[in-house]
N, C-alpha and C. Protein backbone atom coordinates (compact mmCIF):
# COMPACT_ATOMS: atom_id res chain seq x y z
N UNK A 1 86.17 120.04 81.19
CA UNK A 1 85.74 121.17 81.99
C UNK A 1 84.21 121.17 82.05
N UNK A 2 83.66 121.41 83.23
CA UNK A 2 82.20 121.42 83.38
C UNK A 2 81.62 122.65 82.72
N UNK A 3 80.30 122.60 82.43
CA UNK A 3 79.62 123.75 81.83
C UNK A 3 79.69 124.95 82.75
N UNK A 4 79.57 124.74 84.09
CA UNK A 4 79.61 125.84 85.04
C UNK A 4 80.97 126.55 84.99
N UNK A 5 82.06 125.77 84.94
CA UNK A 5 83.41 126.35 84.89
C UNK A 5 83.60 127.10 83.58
N UNK A 6 83.08 126.55 82.49
CA UNK A 6 83.18 127.19 81.18
C UNK A 6 82.41 128.51 81.17
N UNK A 7 81.19 128.51 81.76
CA UNK A 7 80.39 129.74 81.84
C UNK A 7 81.12 130.81 82.66
N UNK A 8 81.73 130.40 83.78
CA UNK A 8 82.46 131.34 84.62
C UNK A 8 83.63 131.95 83.86
N UNK A 9 84.38 131.11 83.13
CA UNK A 9 85.50 131.62 82.33
C UNK A 9 85.02 132.61 81.28
N UNK A 10 83.88 132.32 80.63
CA UNK A 10 83.33 133.23 79.62
C UNK A 10 82.98 134.57 80.24
N UNK A 11 82.35 134.55 81.43
CA UNK A 11 81.97 135.78 82.12
C UNK A 11 83.21 136.58 82.48
N UNK A 12 84.23 135.91 83.05
CA UNK A 12 85.45 136.61 83.47
C UNK A 12 86.22 137.16 82.28
N UNK A 13 86.22 136.45 81.15
CA UNK A 13 86.90 136.93 79.95
C UNK A 13 86.25 138.20 79.41
N UNK A 14 84.94 138.36 79.63
CA UNK A 14 84.22 139.53 79.11
C UNK A 14 84.44 140.78 79.99
N UNK A 15 84.98 140.61 81.21
CA UNK A 15 85.15 141.75 82.12
C UNK A 15 86.17 142.75 81.57
N UNK A 16 87.29 142.28 81.04
CA UNK A 16 88.34 143.17 80.54
C UNK A 16 87.84 144.14 79.48
N UNK A 17 87.23 143.63 78.38
CA UNK A 17 86.71 144.56 77.36
C UNK A 17 85.66 145.51 77.92
N UNK A 18 84.85 145.04 78.89
CA UNK A 18 83.83 145.90 79.48
C UNK A 18 84.50 147.03 80.28
N UNK A 19 85.56 146.71 81.02
CA UNK A 19 86.28 147.73 81.78
C UNK A 19 86.90 148.77 80.84
N UNK A 20 87.49 148.29 79.73
CA UNK A 20 88.09 149.22 78.76
C UNK A 20 87.02 150.13 78.17
N UNK A 21 85.86 149.56 77.80
CA UNK A 21 84.78 150.36 77.20
C UNK A 21 84.26 151.42 78.18
N UNK A 22 84.10 151.05 79.45
CA UNK A 22 83.64 152.02 80.45
C UNK A 22 84.65 153.16 80.62
N UNK A 23 85.93 152.81 80.65
CA UNK A 23 86.96 153.85 80.82
C UNK A 23 86.97 154.78 79.60
N UNK A 24 86.85 154.20 78.40
CA UNK A 24 86.87 155.02 77.19
C UNK A 24 85.62 155.89 77.07
N UNK A 25 84.47 155.39 77.53
CA UNK A 25 83.25 156.21 77.52
C UNK A 25 83.43 157.46 78.37
N UNK A 26 84.21 157.33 79.44
CA UNK A 26 84.44 158.47 80.35
C UNK A 26 85.63 159.30 79.91
N UNK A 27 86.27 158.92 78.78
CA UNK A 27 87.46 159.62 78.30
C UNK A 27 88.54 159.68 79.38
N UNK A 28 88.71 158.59 80.12
CA UNK A 28 89.70 158.54 81.20
C UNK A 28 90.92 157.74 80.74
N UNK A 29 92.09 158.14 81.20
CA UNK A 29 93.31 157.40 80.92
C UNK A 29 93.51 156.34 82.01
N UNK A 30 94.40 155.39 81.73
CA UNK A 30 94.74 154.39 82.76
C UNK A 30 95.35 155.08 83.98
N UNK A 31 96.15 156.12 83.75
CA UNK A 31 96.78 156.83 84.88
C UNK A 31 95.72 157.51 85.74
N UNK A 32 94.70 158.12 85.11
CA UNK A 32 93.64 158.78 85.87
C UNK A 32 92.84 157.75 86.68
N UNK A 33 92.55 156.60 86.06
CA UNK A 33 91.82 155.55 86.76
C UNK A 33 92.65 154.97 87.90
N UNK A 34 93.94 154.86 87.68
CA UNK A 34 94.84 154.37 88.72
C UNK A 34 94.82 155.31 89.93
N UNK A 35 94.85 156.63 89.65
CA UNK A 35 94.82 157.61 90.75
C UNK A 35 93.50 157.54 91.51
N UNK A 36 92.40 157.25 90.80
CA UNK A 36 91.08 157.21 91.44
C UNK A 36 90.85 155.93 92.24
N UNK A 37 91.51 154.83 91.85
CA UNK A 37 91.23 153.54 92.48
C UNK A 37 92.36 153.02 93.37
N UNK A 38 93.58 153.53 93.17
CA UNK A 38 94.72 153.00 93.90
C UNK A 38 95.26 151.71 93.29
N UNK A 39 94.75 151.32 92.13
CA UNK A 39 95.23 150.12 91.43
C UNK A 39 96.28 150.56 90.42
N UNK A 40 97.40 149.85 90.35
CA UNK A 40 98.50 150.27 89.48
C UNK A 40 98.07 150.26 88.01
N UNK A 41 98.73 151.10 87.22
CA UNK A 41 98.45 151.19 85.77
C UNK A 41 98.68 149.84 85.11
N UNK A 42 99.76 149.15 85.51
CA UNK A 42 100.05 147.85 84.87
C UNK A 42 98.96 146.82 85.19
N UNK A 43 98.45 146.82 86.42
CA UNK A 43 97.37 145.89 86.78
C UNK A 43 96.10 146.23 85.99
N UNK A 44 95.77 147.53 85.89
CA UNK A 44 94.60 147.94 85.12
C UNK A 44 94.73 147.52 83.66
N UNK A 45 95.91 147.71 83.10
CA UNK A 45 96.15 147.35 81.70
C UNK A 45 95.99 145.84 81.50
N UNK A 46 96.53 145.05 82.44
CA UNK A 46 96.41 143.58 82.34
C UNK A 46 94.96 143.13 82.53
N UNK A 47 94.20 143.82 83.41
CA UNK A 47 92.78 143.50 83.57
C UNK A 47 92.02 143.73 82.27
N UNK A 48 92.25 144.91 81.65
CA UNK A 48 91.53 145.25 80.42
C UNK A 48 91.88 144.33 79.27
N UNK A 49 93.12 143.86 79.22
CA UNK A 49 93.54 142.99 78.11
C UNK A 49 93.24 141.52 78.38
N UNK A 50 92.74 141.21 79.59
CA UNK A 50 92.40 139.82 79.91
C UNK A 50 93.58 139.01 80.41
N UNK A 51 94.74 139.66 80.64
CA UNK A 51 95.91 138.93 81.12
C UNK A 51 95.90 138.76 82.63
N UNK A 52 94.99 139.45 83.31
CA UNK A 52 94.87 139.33 84.77
C UNK A 52 93.43 138.97 85.08
N UNK A 53 93.25 137.96 85.92
CA UNK A 53 91.91 137.52 86.31
C UNK A 53 91.31 138.52 87.29
N UNK A 54 90.08 139.02 87.02
CA UNK A 54 89.48 140.00 87.93
C UNK A 54 89.10 139.36 89.26
N UNK A 55 89.35 140.10 90.34
CA UNK A 55 88.95 139.66 91.68
C UNK A 55 88.03 140.71 92.27
N UNK A 56 87.33 140.33 93.32
CA UNK A 56 86.42 141.26 93.99
C UNK A 56 87.18 142.48 94.51
N UNK A 57 88.40 142.29 95.01
CA UNK A 57 89.20 143.40 95.54
C UNK A 57 89.53 144.42 94.45
N UNK A 58 89.64 143.96 93.19
CA UNK A 58 89.93 144.88 92.09
C UNK A 58 88.64 145.47 91.51
N UNK A 59 87.58 144.68 91.46
CA UNK A 59 86.35 145.13 90.82
C UNK A 59 85.58 146.16 91.65
N UNK A 60 85.61 146.04 92.98
CA UNK A 60 84.86 146.99 93.82
C UNK A 60 85.31 148.44 93.63
N UNK A 61 86.62 148.75 93.70
CA UNK A 61 87.00 150.15 93.46
C UNK A 61 86.75 150.60 92.02
N UNK A 62 86.83 149.68 91.08
CA UNK A 62 86.55 150.04 89.68
C UNK A 62 85.07 150.37 89.49
N UNK A 63 84.20 149.60 90.12
CA UNK A 63 82.75 149.87 90.03
C UNK A 63 82.45 151.24 90.62
N UNK A 64 83.10 151.58 91.75
CA UNK A 64 82.90 152.90 92.37
C UNK A 64 83.41 154.01 91.45
N UNK A 65 84.60 153.82 90.87
CA UNK A 65 85.19 154.85 90.01
C UNK A 65 84.34 155.10 88.77
N UNK A 66 83.77 154.03 88.21
CA UNK A 66 82.95 154.15 87.00
C UNK A 66 81.49 154.48 87.32
N UNK A 67 81.15 154.48 88.62
CA UNK A 67 79.79 154.77 89.08
C UNK A 67 78.76 153.82 88.46
N UNK A 68 79.10 152.54 88.47
CA UNK A 68 78.18 151.51 87.97
C UNK A 68 78.07 150.42 89.02
N UNK A 69 76.94 149.69 89.07
CA UNK A 69 76.83 148.57 90.00
C UNK A 69 77.85 147.48 89.65
N UNK A 70 78.31 146.77 90.66
CA UNK A 70 79.28 145.69 90.46
C UNK A 70 78.79 144.66 89.45
N UNK A 71 77.48 144.32 89.51
CA UNK A 71 76.97 143.31 88.59
C UNK A 71 77.01 143.78 87.14
N UNK A 72 77.08 145.10 86.90
CA UNK A 72 77.20 145.59 85.52
C UNK A 72 78.60 145.31 84.99
N UNK A 73 79.62 145.34 85.87
CA UNK A 73 80.98 145.02 85.44
C UNK A 73 81.09 143.55 85.06
N UNK A 74 80.43 142.70 85.82
CA UNK A 74 80.52 141.26 85.58
C UNK A 74 79.54 140.83 84.50
N UNK A 75 78.32 141.36 84.53
CA UNK A 75 77.30 141.09 83.51
C UNK A 75 77.17 139.62 83.18
N UNK A 76 77.00 138.81 84.22
CA UNK A 76 76.80 137.38 83.98
C UNK A 76 75.53 137.20 83.15
N UNK A 77 75.61 136.39 82.07
CA UNK A 77 74.44 136.26 81.22
C UNK A 77 73.30 135.56 81.94
N UNK A 78 72.09 136.07 81.74
CA UNK A 78 70.93 135.40 82.30
C UNK A 78 70.57 134.24 81.38
N UNK A 79 70.07 133.20 81.96
CA UNK A 79 69.76 132.04 81.14
C UNK A 79 68.27 131.94 80.91
N UNK A 80 67.91 131.50 79.70
CA UNK A 80 66.51 131.22 79.39
C UNK A 80 65.65 132.42 79.08
N UNK A 81 66.17 133.63 79.14
CA UNK A 81 65.35 134.82 78.89
C UNK A 81 66.13 135.74 77.95
N UNK A 82 65.66 135.90 76.71
CA UNK A 82 66.42 136.69 75.73
C UNK A 82 66.25 138.20 75.91
N UNK A 83 65.35 138.63 76.79
CA UNK A 83 65.11 140.06 76.94
C UNK A 83 66.31 140.76 77.57
N UNK A 84 66.58 141.97 77.09
CA UNK A 84 67.63 142.80 77.67
C UNK A 84 66.98 143.69 78.71
N UNK A 85 67.58 143.76 79.88
CA UNK A 85 67.06 144.62 80.94
C UNK A 85 68.05 145.76 81.14
N UNK A 86 67.92 146.81 80.34
CA UNK A 86 68.92 147.89 80.42
C UNK A 86 68.82 148.65 81.73
N UNK A 87 69.99 149.02 82.23
CA UNK A 87 70.07 149.86 83.42
C UNK A 87 70.55 151.23 82.97
N UNK A 88 69.74 152.26 83.15
CA UNK A 88 70.17 153.61 82.73
C UNK A 88 71.45 154.04 83.45
N UNK A 89 72.29 154.75 82.72
CA UNK A 89 73.54 155.29 83.25
C UNK A 89 73.46 156.80 83.08
N UNK A 90 73.75 157.56 84.12
CA UNK A 90 73.77 159.02 84.02
C UNK A 90 75.20 159.50 84.01
N UNK A 91 75.57 160.22 82.93
CA UNK A 91 76.91 160.79 82.80
C UNK A 91 76.83 162.09 82.03
N UNK A 92 77.63 163.05 82.41
CA UNK A 92 77.75 164.31 81.68
C UNK A 92 76.40 165.01 81.52
N UNK A 93 75.47 164.82 82.47
CA UNK A 93 74.16 165.44 82.38
C UNK A 93 73.21 164.76 81.42
N UNK A 94 73.61 163.58 80.91
CA UNK A 94 72.78 162.83 79.97
C UNK A 94 72.45 161.46 80.57
N UNK A 95 71.39 160.83 80.04
CA UNK A 95 71.04 159.47 80.43
C UNK A 95 71.33 158.55 79.25
N UNK A 96 72.09 157.49 79.51
CA UNK A 96 72.42 156.49 78.50
C UNK A 96 71.70 155.20 78.88
N UNK A 97 70.96 154.63 77.94
CA UNK A 97 70.30 153.35 78.17
C UNK A 97 70.93 152.35 77.22
N UNK A 98 71.77 151.43 77.73
CA UNK A 98 72.43 150.47 76.85
C UNK A 98 71.41 149.51 76.23
N UNK A 99 71.53 149.30 74.94
CA UNK A 99 70.62 148.40 74.23
C UNK A 99 71.33 147.12 73.79
N UNK A 100 72.62 147.01 74.08
CA UNK A 100 73.38 145.80 73.80
C UNK A 100 74.03 145.35 75.10
N UNK A 101 74.29 144.04 75.20
CA UNK A 101 74.84 143.51 76.45
C UNK A 101 76.29 143.11 76.34
N UNK A 102 76.78 142.87 75.15
CA UNK A 102 78.13 142.35 75.00
C UNK A 102 79.14 143.48 74.82
N UNK A 103 80.27 143.41 75.51
CA UNK A 103 81.30 144.44 75.32
C UNK A 103 82.03 144.21 73.99
N UNK A 104 82.68 145.25 73.52
CA UNK A 104 83.42 145.15 72.27
C UNK A 104 82.48 145.21 71.08
N UNK A 105 83.03 145.48 69.92
CA UNK A 105 82.20 145.57 68.72
C UNK A 105 81.24 146.74 68.79
N UNK A 106 80.17 146.66 68.02
CA UNK A 106 79.19 147.74 67.99
C UNK A 106 78.40 147.78 69.29
N UNK A 107 78.20 149.00 69.82
CA UNK A 107 77.41 149.21 71.02
C UNK A 107 76.25 150.13 70.66
N UNK A 108 75.06 149.80 71.14
CA UNK A 108 73.87 150.62 70.87
C UNK A 108 73.35 151.21 72.17
N UNK A 109 72.96 152.49 72.10
CA UNK A 109 72.42 153.21 73.26
C UNK A 109 71.22 154.05 72.83
N UNK A 110 70.27 154.20 73.73
CA UNK A 110 69.30 155.27 73.61
C UNK A 110 69.80 156.34 74.56
N UNK A 111 69.92 157.58 74.07
CA UNK A 111 70.41 158.66 74.91
C UNK A 111 69.33 159.73 75.06
N UNK A 112 69.28 160.31 76.25
CA UNK A 112 68.31 161.35 76.55
C UNK A 112 69.07 162.53 77.15
N UNK A 113 68.88 163.71 76.55
CA UNK A 113 69.48 164.93 77.07
C UNK A 113 68.34 165.83 77.53
N UNK A 114 68.34 166.25 78.79
CA UNK A 114 67.25 167.09 79.28
C UNK A 114 67.19 168.44 78.56
N UNK A 115 66.05 169.08 78.67
CA UNK A 115 65.84 170.38 78.02
C UNK A 115 66.88 171.39 78.48
N UNK A 116 67.34 172.20 77.53
CA UNK A 116 68.21 173.32 77.87
C UNK A 116 69.62 172.96 78.27
N UNK A 117 70.10 171.77 77.93
CA UNK A 117 71.49 171.45 78.27
C UNK A 117 72.39 172.13 77.25
N UNK A 118 72.62 173.41 77.47
CA UNK A 118 73.46 174.22 76.60
C UNK A 118 74.42 174.98 77.50
N UNK A 119 75.68 174.87 77.24
CA UNK A 119 76.64 175.64 78.02
C UNK A 119 77.18 176.74 77.12
N UNK A 120 77.76 177.77 77.73
CA UNK A 120 78.24 178.91 76.97
C UNK A 120 79.21 178.53 75.87
N UNK A 121 80.24 177.75 76.19
CA UNK A 121 81.24 177.39 75.21
C UNK A 121 81.47 175.88 75.30
N UNK A 122 80.65 175.09 74.60
CA UNK A 122 80.78 173.63 74.70
C UNK A 122 82.16 173.15 74.26
N UNK A 123 82.72 172.27 75.06
CA UNK A 123 84.04 171.73 74.76
C UNK A 123 83.89 170.45 73.93
N UNK A 124 84.44 170.48 72.74
CA UNK A 124 84.37 169.31 71.87
C UNK A 124 85.45 168.31 72.29
N UNK A 125 85.10 167.02 72.25
CA UNK A 125 86.01 165.95 72.64
C UNK A 125 86.30 165.06 71.43
N UNK A 126 87.37 164.30 71.52
CA UNK A 126 87.69 163.30 70.50
C UNK A 126 88.02 161.99 71.20
N UNK A 127 87.82 160.90 70.52
CA UNK A 127 88.21 159.57 71.00
C UNK A 127 88.17 158.62 69.84
N UNK A 128 88.72 157.45 70.01
CA UNK A 128 88.71 156.44 68.96
C UNK A 128 87.29 155.94 68.75
N UNK A 129 86.92 155.67 67.52
CA UNK A 129 85.63 155.07 67.25
C UNK A 129 84.91 155.71 66.09
N UNK A 130 83.70 155.23 65.87
CA UNK A 130 82.84 155.72 64.79
C UNK A 130 81.42 155.73 65.33
N UNK A 131 80.66 156.79 65.08
CA UNK A 131 79.34 156.93 65.68
C UNK A 131 78.27 157.23 64.64
N UNK A 132 77.09 156.68 64.88
CA UNK A 132 75.90 156.88 64.04
C UNK A 132 74.78 157.28 64.97
N UNK A 133 74.08 158.40 64.66
CA UNK A 133 73.00 158.92 65.51
C UNK A 133 71.70 158.98 64.73
N UNK A 134 70.59 158.71 65.41
CA UNK A 134 69.26 158.85 64.82
C UNK A 134 68.37 159.54 65.85
N UNK A 135 67.85 160.71 65.52
CA UNK A 135 67.05 161.48 66.47
C UNK A 135 65.61 160.94 66.49
N UNK A 136 65.14 160.57 67.68
CA UNK A 136 63.77 160.07 67.85
C UNK A 136 62.79 161.20 68.14
N UNK A 137 63.16 162.11 69.05
CA UNK A 137 62.27 163.22 69.39
C UNK A 137 63.11 164.37 69.93
N UNK A 138 62.57 165.58 69.82
CA UNK A 138 63.29 166.76 70.28
C UNK A 138 64.27 167.25 69.23
N UNK A 139 65.19 168.10 69.68
CA UNK A 139 66.20 168.68 68.78
C UNK A 139 67.57 168.44 69.38
N UNK A 140 68.47 167.94 68.56
CA UNK A 140 69.83 167.63 69.01
C UNK A 140 70.81 168.60 68.35
N UNK A 141 71.56 169.33 69.17
CA UNK A 141 72.62 170.17 68.62
C UNK A 141 73.90 169.34 68.59
N UNK A 142 74.51 169.27 67.41
CA UNK A 142 75.75 168.52 67.23
C UNK A 142 76.82 169.48 66.73
N UNK A 143 77.83 169.69 67.57
CA UNK A 143 79.02 170.41 67.11
C UNK A 143 79.98 169.34 66.63
N UNK A 144 80.39 169.45 65.37
CA UNK A 144 81.25 168.44 64.75
C UNK A 144 82.34 169.18 63.98
N UNK A 145 83.50 169.31 64.61
CA UNK A 145 84.56 170.10 63.99
C UNK A 145 84.09 171.53 63.82
N UNK A 146 84.08 172.03 62.60
CA UNK A 146 83.66 173.40 62.32
C UNK A 146 82.16 173.52 62.11
N UNK A 147 81.45 172.41 62.08
CA UNK A 147 80.01 172.42 61.81
C UNK A 147 79.21 172.55 63.10
N UNK A 148 78.14 173.33 63.04
CA UNK A 148 77.20 173.50 64.14
C UNK A 148 75.83 173.13 63.58
N UNK A 149 75.35 171.91 63.91
CA UNK A 149 74.15 171.36 63.28
C UNK A 149 73.02 171.19 64.29
N UNK A 150 71.78 171.35 63.83
CA UNK A 150 70.60 171.01 64.61
C UNK A 150 69.92 169.85 63.89
N UNK A 151 69.81 168.72 64.58
CA UNK A 151 69.15 167.54 64.01
C UNK A 151 67.77 167.41 64.63
N UNK A 152 66.77 167.09 63.81
CA UNK A 152 65.39 166.95 64.26
C UNK A 152 64.94 165.51 64.05
N UNK A 153 63.76 165.12 64.58
CA UNK A 153 63.32 163.72 64.49
C UNK A 153 63.41 163.17 63.06
N UNK A 154 64.00 161.97 62.99
CA UNK A 154 64.15 161.29 61.71
C UNK A 154 65.47 161.58 61.02
N UNK A 155 66.25 162.55 61.54
CA UNK A 155 67.53 162.87 60.90
C UNK A 155 68.64 162.01 61.49
N UNK A 156 69.64 161.76 60.65
CA UNK A 156 70.74 160.86 60.99
C UNK A 156 72.06 161.59 60.79
N UNK A 157 73.03 161.33 61.64
CA UNK A 157 74.40 161.82 61.47
C UNK A 157 75.33 160.63 61.67
N UNK A 158 76.43 160.65 60.94
CA UNK A 158 77.41 159.57 61.02
C UNK A 158 78.79 160.22 60.94
N UNK A 159 79.71 159.86 61.87
CA UNK A 159 81.01 160.52 61.86
C UNK A 159 82.07 159.71 62.59
N UNK A 160 83.31 159.99 62.23
CA UNK A 160 84.49 159.44 62.88
C UNK A 160 84.68 160.23 64.17
N UNK A 161 84.76 159.55 65.31
CA UNK A 161 84.82 160.25 66.60
C UNK A 161 86.20 160.85 66.89
N UNK A 162 87.14 160.70 65.96
CA UNK A 162 88.40 161.43 66.09
C UNK A 162 88.22 162.90 65.69
N UNK A 163 87.08 163.20 65.03
CA UNK A 163 86.72 164.59 64.73
C UNK A 163 86.14 165.17 66.03
N UNK A 164 86.61 166.33 66.48
CA UNK A 164 86.08 166.91 67.72
C UNK A 164 84.55 167.05 67.63
N UNK A 165 83.85 166.66 68.72
CA UNK A 165 82.38 166.69 68.69
C UNK A 165 81.82 166.94 70.08
N UNK A 166 80.54 167.38 70.10
CA UNK A 166 79.82 167.68 71.34
C UNK A 166 78.33 167.61 71.03
N UNK A 167 77.52 167.13 72.00
CA UNK A 167 76.06 167.07 71.85
C UNK A 167 75.41 168.00 72.86
N UNK A 168 74.31 168.62 72.47
CA UNK A 168 73.55 169.45 73.40
C UNK A 168 72.09 169.47 72.99
N UNK A 169 71.28 170.07 73.83
CA UNK A 169 69.85 170.16 73.58
C UNK A 169 69.43 171.63 73.58
N UNK A 170 69.17 172.21 72.40
CA UNK A 170 68.78 173.61 72.34
C UNK A 170 67.28 173.82 72.53
N UNK A 171 66.53 172.73 72.64
CA UNK A 171 65.07 172.83 72.66
C UNK A 171 64.46 172.91 74.04
N UNK A 172 63.15 173.16 74.08
CA UNK A 172 62.43 173.29 75.35
C UNK A 172 61.97 171.95 75.92
N UNK A 173 62.31 170.85 75.26
CA UNK A 173 61.91 169.51 75.72
C UNK A 173 63.11 168.58 75.61
N UNK A 174 63.08 167.45 76.30
CA UNK A 174 64.21 166.52 76.19
C UNK A 174 64.40 166.06 74.75
N UNK A 175 65.63 165.76 74.39
CA UNK A 175 65.90 165.15 73.09
C UNK A 175 66.27 163.69 73.34
N UNK A 176 65.69 162.79 72.52
CA UNK A 176 65.99 161.37 72.62
C UNK A 176 66.54 160.92 71.28
N UNK A 177 67.64 160.16 71.33
CA UNK A 177 68.22 159.68 70.09
C UNK A 177 68.88 158.33 70.31
N UNK A 178 69.00 157.59 69.21
CA UNK A 178 69.71 156.31 69.22
C UNK A 178 71.13 156.57 68.79
N UNK A 179 72.06 155.89 69.43
CA UNK A 179 73.47 156.06 69.12
C UNK A 179 74.08 154.67 68.96
N UNK A 180 74.70 154.44 67.81
CA UNK A 180 75.48 153.22 67.59
C UNK A 180 76.94 153.63 67.56
N UNK A 181 77.73 152.98 68.39
CA UNK A 181 79.14 153.33 68.49
C UNK A 181 79.96 152.09 68.19
N UNK A 182 80.93 152.23 67.29
CA UNK A 182 81.79 151.11 66.94
C UNK A 182 83.25 151.46 67.11
N UNK A 183 84.10 150.43 67.20
CA UNK A 183 85.54 150.67 67.29
C UNK A 183 86.03 151.41 66.05
N UNK A 184 87.22 151.98 66.16
CA UNK A 184 87.77 152.75 65.05
C UNK A 184 87.78 151.92 63.77
N UNK A 185 87.30 152.52 62.70
CA UNK A 185 87.31 151.85 61.40
C UNK A 185 86.10 150.98 61.15
N UNK A 186 85.28 150.72 62.17
CA UNK A 186 84.11 149.86 61.99
C UNK A 186 82.89 150.75 61.76
N UNK A 187 82.59 151.01 60.50
CA UNK A 187 81.50 151.90 60.15
C UNK A 187 80.18 151.15 60.19
N UNK A 188 79.09 151.91 60.38
CA UNK A 188 77.76 151.32 60.35
C UNK A 188 77.31 151.25 58.89
N UNK A 189 76.59 150.22 58.57
CA UNK A 189 76.05 150.08 57.22
C UNK A 189 74.55 149.89 57.32
N UNK A 190 73.81 150.82 56.73
CA UNK A 190 72.36 150.72 56.74
C UNK A 190 71.95 150.31 55.34
N UNK A 191 71.24 149.20 55.24
CA UNK A 191 70.83 148.70 53.93
C UNK A 191 69.31 148.66 53.88
N UNK A 192 68.76 149.04 52.76
CA UNK A 192 67.33 148.97 52.57
C UNK A 192 67.06 148.03 51.40
N UNK A 193 66.08 147.17 51.59
CA UNK A 193 65.72 146.27 50.48
C UNK A 193 64.79 146.99 49.53
N UNK A 194 64.95 146.72 48.23
CA UNK A 194 63.99 147.32 47.29
C UNK A 194 62.60 146.75 47.56
N UNK A 195 61.60 147.61 47.40
CA UNK A 195 60.24 147.12 47.66
C UNK A 195 59.83 146.14 46.58
N UNK A 196 59.29 145.04 47.01
CA UNK A 196 58.83 144.00 46.06
C UNK A 196 57.42 144.29 45.60
N UNK A 197 57.10 143.90 44.39
CA UNK A 197 55.75 144.14 43.88
C UNK A 197 55.01 142.84 43.81
């Protein structure tokens, strides 16, 4: 097999996990995505699991439904340049800047919530996964189960995303924070080396 054919296969194999991650980020079911795109649930399931080869006819409605550019679904790797060129994504009144390029495994984002994003009765959501947050600037309100927390710059939170949760900004300025999200059971480990003398 030529290198070009191998590269194409690698790119196409990565589309399924990327489609699943986008759907899960939006807390959408396969049935909801099927209703939005007109693509059957079984076809969507086979696309996400890699059992069906993605075609342009399938990817175009999916890109529209997820509100992302088509090239983000395919994410063909650039050659010779290690820099990541993140494309901001706006969802739920927040801006997400992806800091990782590969689907699956740990995903890193910089998130920005504009000032005053507070609703009367925030609805907490749950989903599979594990999340680690680090506040860079501003104030982040985190509802986590029965807890109502305000995190300030330099503070960290870590939690299982099956616990109901919600983020908001109670402050007069935008809040910026780093978010690491992993599949269920994959916890983040932060290690510090002892200072050498």
